[in-house]
C-alpha atoms as a PDB file:
ATOM      1  CA  UNK A   1      19.141 146.208 196.331  1.00  0.00           C
ATOM      2  CA  UNK A   2      22.356 144.918 194.793  1.00  0.00           C
ATOM      3  CA  UNK A   3      22.377 144.935 191.013  1.00  0.00           C
ATOM      4  CA  UNK A   4      22.379 141.595 189.320  1.00  0.00           C
ATOM      5  CA  UNK A   5      25.448 140.952 187.273  1.00  0.00           C
ATOM      6  CA  UNK A   6      24.734 140.422 183.624  1.00  0.00           C
ATOM      7  CA  UNK A   7      25.854 137.055 182.370  1.00  0.00           C
ATOM      8  CA  UNK A   8      28.497 137.315 179.721  1.00  0.00           C
ATOM      9  CA  UNK A   9      27.599 135.578 176.496  1.00  0.00           C
ATOM     10  CA  UNK A  10      30.110 133.019 175.374  1.00  0.00           C
ATOM     11  CA  UNK A  11      32.281 134.112 172.488  1.00  0.00           C
ATOM     12  CA  UNK A  12      32.345 132.124 169.273  1.00  0.00           C
ATOM     13  CA  UNK A  13      34.927 129.380 169.639  1.00  0.00           C
ATOM     14  CA  UNK A  14      37.762 128.326 167.373  1.00  0.00           C
ATOM     15  CA  UNK A  15      35.955 125.341 165.841  1.00  0.00           C
ATOM     16  CA  UNK A  16      32.977 127.417 164.735  1.00  0.00           C
ATOM     17  CA  UNK A  17      35.185 130.221 163.360  1.00  0.00           C
ATOM     18  CA  UNK A  18      37.391 127.878 161.346  1.00  0.00           C
ATOM     19  CA  UNK A  19      34.429 125.915 159.977  1.00  0.00           C
ATOM     20  CA  UNK A  20      32.797 129.153 158.834  1.00  0.00           C
ATOM     21  CA  UNK A  21      35.995 130.213 157.046  1.00  0.00           C
ATOM     22  CA  UNK A  22      36.308 126.758 155.488  1.00  0.00           C
ATOM     23  CA  UNK A  23      32.718 127.023 154.271  1.00  0.00           C
ATOM     24  CA  UNK A  24      33.484 130.484 152.904  1.00  0.00           C
ATOM     25  CA  UNK A  25      36.378 129.231 150.768  1.00  0.00           C
ATOM     26  CA  UNK A  26      34.498 126.136 149.618  1.00  0.00           C
ATOM     27  CA  UNK A  27      31.435 128.083 148.502  1.00  0.00           C
ATOM     28  CA  UNK A  28      33.532 130.878 147.028  1.00  0.00           C
ATOM     29  CA  UNK A  29      35.246 128.277 144.861  1.00  0.00           C
ATOM     30  CA  UNK A  30      32.006 126.901 143.492  1.00  0.00           C
ATOM     31  CA  UNK A  31      30.603 130.403 143.220  1.00  0.00           C
ATOM     32  CA  UNK A  32      33.296 131.102 140.625  1.00  0.00           C
ATOM     33  CA  UNK A  33      31.870 128.607 138.154  1.00  0.00           C
ATOM     34  CA  UNK A  34      28.276 128.063 139.257  1.00  0.00           C
ATOM     35  CA  UNK A  35      26.719 130.745 137.026  1.00  0.00           C
ATOM     36  CA  UNK A  36      28.844 129.974 133.947  1.00  0.00           C
ATOM     37  CA  UNK A  37      29.201 126.186 133.961  1.00  0.00           C
ATOM     38  CA  UNK A  38      26.476 125.910 131.325  1.00  0.00           C
ATOM     39  CA  UNK A  39      28.442 128.239 129.023  1.00  0.00           C
ATOM     40  CA  UNK A  40      31.552 126.090 129.478  1.00  0.00           C
ATOM     41  CA  UNK A  41      29.676 122.905 128.599  1.00  0.00           C
ATOM     42  CA  UNK A  42      28.046 124.391 125.502  1.00  0.00           C
ATOM     43  CA  UNK A  43      31.228 126.028 124.179  1.00  0.00           C
ATOM     44  CA  UNK A  44      33.957 123.582 125.212  1.00  0.00           C
ATOM     45  CA  UNK A  45      32.430 120.110 125.391  1.00  0.00           C
ATOM     46  CA  UNK A  46      31.910 118.015 122.278  1.00  0.00           C
ATOM     47  CA  UNK A  47      28.170 117.774 121.709  1.00  0.00           C
ATOM     48  CA  UNK A  48      27.565 120.094 124.656  1.00  0.00           C
ATOM     49  CA  UNK A  49      24.062 121.558 124.755  1.00  0.00           C
ATOM     50  CA  UNK A  50      21.222 122.349 127.149  1.00  0.00           C
ATOM     51  CA  UNK A  51      20.415 118.643 127.515  1.00  0.00           C
ATOM     52  CA  UNK A  52      23.957 117.832 128.688  1.00  0.00           C
ATOM     53  CA  UNK A  53      23.850 120.708 131.168  1.00  0.00           C
ATOM     54  CA  UNK A  54      20.491 119.532 132.528  1.00  0.00           C
ATOM     55  CA  UNK A  55      21.692 115.944 132.902  1.00  0.00           C
ATOM     56  CA  UNK A  56      24.887 117.105 134.638  1.00  0.00           C
ATOM     57  CA  UNK A  57      22.953 119.219 137.148  1.00  0.00           C
ATOM     58  CA  UNK A  58      20.433 116.420 137.694  1.00  0.00           C
ATOM     59  CA  UNK A  59      23.186 113.850 138.293  1.00  0.00           C
ATOM     60  CA  UNK A  60      24.739 116.022 140.986  1.00  0.00           C
ATOM     61  CA  UNK A  61      21.559 116.592 142.971  1.00  0.00           C
ATOM     62  CA  UNK A  62      20.229 113.039 142.567  1.00  0.00           C
ATOM     63  CA  UNK A  63      23.490 111.352 143.616  1.00  0.00           C
ATOM     64  CA  UNK A  64      24.049 113.766 146.503  1.00  0.00           C
ATOM     65  CA  UNK A  65      20.490 113.421 147.795  1.00  0.00           C
ATOM     66  CA  UNK A  66      20.485 109.622 147.585  1.00  0.00           C
ATOM     67  CA  UNK A  67      23.911 109.095 149.186  1.00  0.00           C
ATOM     68  CA  UNK A  68      23.560 111.739 151.887  1.00  0.00           C
ATOM     69  CA  UNK A  69      20.993 109.796 153.931  1.00  0.00           C
ATOM     70  CA  UNK A  70      22.946 106.532 154.328  1.00  0.00           C
ATOM     71  CA  UNK A  71      26.132 108.510 155.008  1.00  0.00           C
ATOM     72  CA  UNK A  72      24.362 110.497 157.727  1.00  0.00           C
ATOM     73  CA  UNK A  73      22.858 107.301 159.165  1.00  0.00           C
ATOM     74  CA  UNK A  74      26.303 105.689 159.333  1.00  0.00           C
ATOM     75  CA  UNK A  75      27.808 108.729 161.050  1.00  0.00           C
ATOM     76  CA  UNK A  76      25.061 108.620 163.685  1.00  0.00           C
ATOM     77  CA  UNK A  77      26.014 105.054 164.661  1.00  0.00           C
ATOM     78  CA  UNK A  78      29.090 106.368 166.445  1.00  0.00           C
ATOM     79  CA  UNK A  79      28.620 109.023 169.137  1.00  0.00           C
ATOM     80  CA  UNK A  80      32.142 110.349 168.729  1.00  0.00           C
ATOM     81  CA  UNK A  81      33.177 112.981 166.179  1.00  0.00           C
ATOM     82  CA  UNK A  82      36.164 111.182 164.670  1.00  0.00           C
ATOM     83  CA  UNK A  83      34.057 109.548 161.952  1.00  0.00           C
ATOM     84  CA  UNK A  84      32.278 112.848 161.272  1.00  0.00           C
ATOM     85  CA  UNK A  85      35.615 114.615 160.948  1.00  0.00           C
ATOM     86  CA  UNK A  86      37.043 111.939 158.639  1.00  0.00           C
ATOM     87  CA  UNK A  87      33.964 112.164 156.402  1.00  0.00           C
ATOM     88  CA  UNK A  88      34.233 115.952 156.377  1.00  0.00           C
ATOM     89  CA  UNK A  89      37.896 115.909 155.353  1.00  0.00           C
ATOM     90  CA  UNK A  90      37.491 113.227 152.677  1.00  0.00           C
ATOM     91  CA  UNK A  91      34.312 114.770 151.304  1.00  0.00           C
ATOM     92  CA  UNK A  92      35.791 118.260 151.089  1.00  0.00           C
ATOM     93  CA  UNK A  93      38.929 116.868 149.452  1.00  0.00           C
ATOM     94  CA  UNK A  94      36.830 115.118 146.786  1.00  0.00           C
ATOM     95  CA  UNK A  95      35.477 118.513 145.750  1.00  0.00           C
ATOM     96  CA  UNK A  96      39.020 119.428 144.691  1.00  0.00           C
ATOM     97  CA  UNK A  97      38.982 116.688 142.027  1.00  0.00           C
ATOM     98  CA  UNK A  98      35.926 117.983 140.159  1.00  0.00           C
ATOM     99  CA  UNK A  99      37.376 121.271 138.795  1.00  0.00           C
ATOM    100  CA  UNK A 100      40.541 119.404 137.797  1.00  0.00           C
ATOM    101  CA  UNK A 101      38.418 117.017 135.703  1.00  0.00           C
ATOM    102  CA  UNK A 102      36.689 120.041 134.164  1.00  0.00           C
ATOM    103  CA  UNK A 103      40.082 121.343 132.986  1.00  0.00           C
ATOM    104  CA  UNK A 104      40.688 118.213 130.915  1.00  0.00           C
ATOM    105  CA  UNK A 105      37.057 117.440 129.998  1.00  0.00           C
ATOM    106  CA  UNK A 106      36.263 117.114 126.297  1.00  0.00           C
ATOM    107  CA  UNK A 107      33.085 114.990 126.173  1.00  0.00           C
ATOM    108  CA  UNK A 108      29.863 114.906 128.165  1.00  0.00           C
ATOM    109  CA  UNK A 109      30.818 111.786 130.113  1.00  0.00           C
ATOM    110  CA  UNK A 110      33.744 113.621 131.648  1.00  0.00           C
ATOM    111  CA  UNK A 111      31.317 116.210 133.027  1.00  0.00           C
ATOM    112  CA  UNK A 112      29.000 113.500 134.356  1.00  0.00           C
ATOM    113  CA  UNK A 113      31.855 111.724 136.152  1.00  0.00           C
ATOM    114  CA  UNK A 114      33.018 115.026 137.649  1.00  0.00           C
ATOM    115  CA  UNK A 115      29.495 115.696 138.900  1.00  0.00           C
ATOM    116  CA  UNK A 116      29.273 112.236 140.490  1.00  0.00           C
ATOM    117  CA  UNK A 117      32.557 112.797 142.351  1.00  0.00           C
ATOM    118  CA  UNK A 118      31.410 116.250 143.459  1.00  0.00           C
ATOM    119  CA  UNK A 119      28.082 114.805 144.656  1.00  0.00           C
ATOM    120  CA  UNK A 120      29.847 112.028 146.587  1.00  0.00           C
ATOM    121  CA  UNK A 121      32.114 114.574 148.249  1.00  0.00           C
ATOM    122  CA  UNK A 122      29.247 116.826 149.282  1.00  0.00           C
ATOM    123  CA  UNK A 123      27.147 113.856 150.460  1.00  0.00           C
ATOM    124  CA  UNK A 124      29.973 113.102 152.898  1.00  0.00           C
ATOM    125  CA  UNK A 125      30.822 116.702 153.802  1.00  0.00           C
ATOM    126  CA  UNK A 126      27.377 118.219 154.378  1.00  0.00           C
ATOM    127  CA  UNK A 127      25.950 115.941 157.120  1.00  0.00           C
ATOM    128  CA  UNK A 128      29.304 115.706 158.900  1.00  0.00           C
ATOM    129  CA  UNK A 129      29.685 119.507 158.733  1.00  0.00           C
ATOM    130  CA  UNK A 130      26.219 119.958 160.244  1.00  0.00           C
ATOM    131  CA  UNK A 131      27.013 117.485 163.014  1.00  0.00           C
ATOM    132  CA  UNK A 132      30.324 119.001 164.118  1.00  0.00           C
ATOM    133  CA  UNK A 133      29.280 122.625 163.688  1.00  0.00           C
ATOM    134  CA  UNK A 134      26.006 122.165 165.575  1.00  0.00           C
ATOM    135  CA  UNK A 135      27.688 120.508 168.555  1.00  0.00           C
ATOM    136  CA  UNK A 136      30.322 123.207 168.961  1.00  0.00           C
ATOM    137  CA  UNK A 137      28.013 126.231 168.893  1.00  0.00           C
ATOM    138  CA  UNK A 138      28.241 128.056 172.252  1.00  0.00           C
ATOM    139  CA  UNK A 139      25.100 128.260 174.364  1.00  0.00           C
ATOM    140  CA  UNK A 140      22.717 131.075 173.332  1.00  0.00           C
ATOM    141  CA  UNK A 141      24.801 131.844 170.229  1.00  0.00           C
ATOM    142  CA  UNK A 142      23.014 129.560 167.766  1.00  0.00           C
ATOM    143  CA  UNK A 143      21.331 132.262 165.667  1.00  0.00           C
ATOM    144  CA  UNK A 144      24.541 134.282 165.378  1.00  0.00           C
ATOM    145  CA  UNK A 145      26.686 131.285 164.404  1.00  0.00           C
ATOM    146  CA  UNK A 146      24.275 130.006 161.756  1.00  0.00           C
ATOM    147  CA  UNK A 147      23.725 133.563 160.539  1.00  0.00           C
ATOM    148  CA  UNK A 148      27.457 134.173 160.172  1.00  0.00           C
ATOM    149  CA  UNK A 149      27.890 130.987 158.190  1.00  0.00           C
ATOM    150  CA  UNK A 150      24.950 131.747 155.918  1.00  0.00           C
ATOM    151  CA  UNK A 151      26.265 135.281 155.329  1.00  0.00           C
ATOM    152  CA  UNK A 152      29.777 133.976 154.631  1.00  0.00           C
ATOM    153  CA  UNK A 153      28.378 131.527 152.084  1.00  0.00           C
ATOM    154  CA  UNK A 154      26.276 134.204 150.400  1.00  0.00           C
ATOM    155  CA  UNK A 155      29.033 136.814 150.296  1.00  0.00           C
ATOM    156  CA  UNK A 156      31.588 134.312 149.044  1.00  0.00           C
ATOM    157  CA  UNK A 157      29.336 132.939 146.307  1.00  0.00           C
ATOM    158  CA  UNK A 158      28.138 136.403 145.281  1.00  0.00           C
ATOM    159  CA  UNK A 159      31.565 137.998 144.965  1.00  0.00           C
ATOM    160  CA  UNK A 160      32.993 134.874 143.351  1.00  0.00           C
ATOM    161  CA  UNK A 161      30.175 134.798 140.804  1.00  0.00           C
ATOM    162  CA  UNK A 162      31.067 138.298 139.641  1.00  0.00           C
ATOM    163  CA  UNK A 163      34.790 137.526 139.554  1.00  0.00           C
ATOM    164  CA  UNK A 164      34.193 134.210 137.791  1.00  0.00           C
ATOM    165  CA  UNK A 165      32.305 135.842 134.949  1.00  0.00           C
ATOM    166  CA  UNK A 166      35.009 138.462 134.435  1.00  0.00           C
ATOM    167  CA  UNK A 167      37.873 135.937 134.581  1.00  0.00           C
ATOM    168  CA  UNK A 168      36.190 133.477 132.198  1.00  0.00           C
ATOM    169  CA  UNK A 169      35.423 136.247 129.717  1.00  0.00           C
ATOM    170  CA  UNK A 170      38.943 137.652 129.738  1.00  0.00           C
ATOM    171  CA  UNK A 171      41.224 134.657 130.405  1.00  0.00           C
ATOM    172  CA  UNK A 172      39.148 131.560 129.686  1.00  0.00           C
ATOM    173  CA  UNK A 173      38.130 128.636 131.863  1.00  0.00           C
ATOM    174  CA  UNK A 174      41.529 127.145 132.794  1.00  0.00           C
ATOM    175  CA  UNK A 175      42.467 129.795 135.406  1.00  0.00           C
ATOM    176  CA  UNK A 176      38.895 129.689 136.673  1.00  0.00           C
ATOM    177  CA  UNK A 177      38.887 125.950 137.354  1.00  0.00           C
ATOM    178  CA  UNK A 178      42.383 126.210 138.821  1.00  0.00           C
ATOM    179  CA  UNK A 179      41.091 128.881 141.192  1.00  0.00           C
ATOM    180  CA  UNK A 180      38.225 126.626 142.290  1.00  0.00           C
ATOM    181  CA  UNK A 181      40.652 123.803 143.066  1.00  0.00           C
ATOM    182  CA  UNK A 182      42.932 126.143 145.051  1.00  0.00           C
ATOM    183  CA  UNK A 183      40.057 127.579 147.102  1.00  0.00           C
ATOM    184  CA  UNK A 184      38.785 124.072 147.848  1.00  0.00           C
ATOM    185  CA  UNK A 185      42.268 122.992 148.950  1.00  0.00           C
ATOM    186  CA  UNK A 186      42.347 125.957 151.349  1.00  0.00           C
ATOM    187  CA  UNK A 187      38.971 124.811 152.700  1.00  0.00           C
ATOM    188  CA  UNK A 188      40.475 121.367 153.401  1.00  0.00           C
ATOM    189  CA  UNK A 189      43.638 122.775 155.007  1.00  0.00           C
ATOM    190  CA  UNK A 190      41.625 125.003 157.344  1.00  0.00           C
ATOM    191  CA  UNK A 191      39.805 121.946 158.683  1.00  0.00           C
ATOM    192  CA  UNK A 192      43.136 120.500 159.837  1.00  0.00           C
ATOM    193  CA  UNK A 193      43.303 123.234 162.499  1.00  0.00           C
ATOM    194  CA  UNK A 194      40.331 121.747 164.376  1.00  0.00           C
ATOM    195  CA  UNK A 195      41.688 118.203 164.499  1.00  0.00           C
ATOM    196  CA  UNK A 196      42.610 118.471 168.194  1.00  0.00           C
ATOM    197  CA  UNK A 197      39.175 119.861 169.074  1.00  0.00           C
ATOM    198  CA  UNK A 198      37.228 116.900 167.728  1.00  0.00           C
ATOM    199  CA  UNK A 199      35.237 115.237 170.520  1.00  0.00           C
ATOM    200  CA  UNK A 200      36.087 111.571 171.235  1.00  0.00           C
ATOM    201  CA  UNK A 201      32.603 111.144 172.688  1.00  0.00           C
ATOM    202  CA  UNK A 202      29.510 113.267 172.075  1.00  0.00           C
ATOM    203  CA  UNK A 203      27.190 113.977 175.031  1.00  0.00           C
ATOM    204  CA  UNK A 204      23.681 112.753 174.255  1.00  0.00           C
ATOM    205  CA  UNK A 205      22.114 116.081 175.170  1.00  0.00           C
ATOM    206  CA  UNK A 206      24.060 117.828 172.403  1.00  0.00           C
ATOM    207  CA  UNK A 207      21.614 118.384 169.534  1.00  0.00           C
ATOM    208  CA  UNK A 208      21.377 120.461 166.392  1.00  0.00           C
ATOM    209  CA  UNK A 209      20.134 123.952 167.018  1.00  0.00           C
ATOM    210  CA  UNK A 210      19.192 125.478 163.676  1.00  0.00           C
ATOM    211  CA  UNK A 211      19.422 124.287 160.072  1.00  0.00           C
ATOM    212  CA  UNK A 212      21.742 126.084 157.684  1.00  0.00           C
ATOM    213  CA  UNK A 213      20.161 127.795 154.685  1.00  0.00           C
END
């Protein structure tokens, strides 16, 4: 009997690869300051204490969680990816503004405003990222693609957390926040390389495959 030819699995495409790298730089940037933001607030912000840190963290998650649903609902009204892509670019760009505000922040309200802008950016970027990434995953490669992205996020944040602590301890917070802004800018620039691959119309059978963790 003739042997059946094994079907070749589709390779990971350009859109998925670039979005994973963009995610890597974005999360590496925030990994630099995530573990030490509380220290910055307490030591460098007038009246900074545990209460200010708690409010700042709460503002970010509350604003992001509240805004994310209507943003996602709006993006679903159009079956093309142009609106998703625009939201992804704008949202990711807004994350660049937050570390710049941190550089010049002196009072608690500056931190709160920065957190609101960061939350708005992520509320736009996260659902649009899910939408585009999920649609472009090759058939039977869902687990690998989501796994690669999750690993990239974890590696980036982990390594950046170590580097961030060392840099802040030796050189202070200015180079640290500058580094976050630069990494976030790279994340935005990488997304420009998938502009031509954005779908003008999304087939209805295209659905999300696995959630990102």
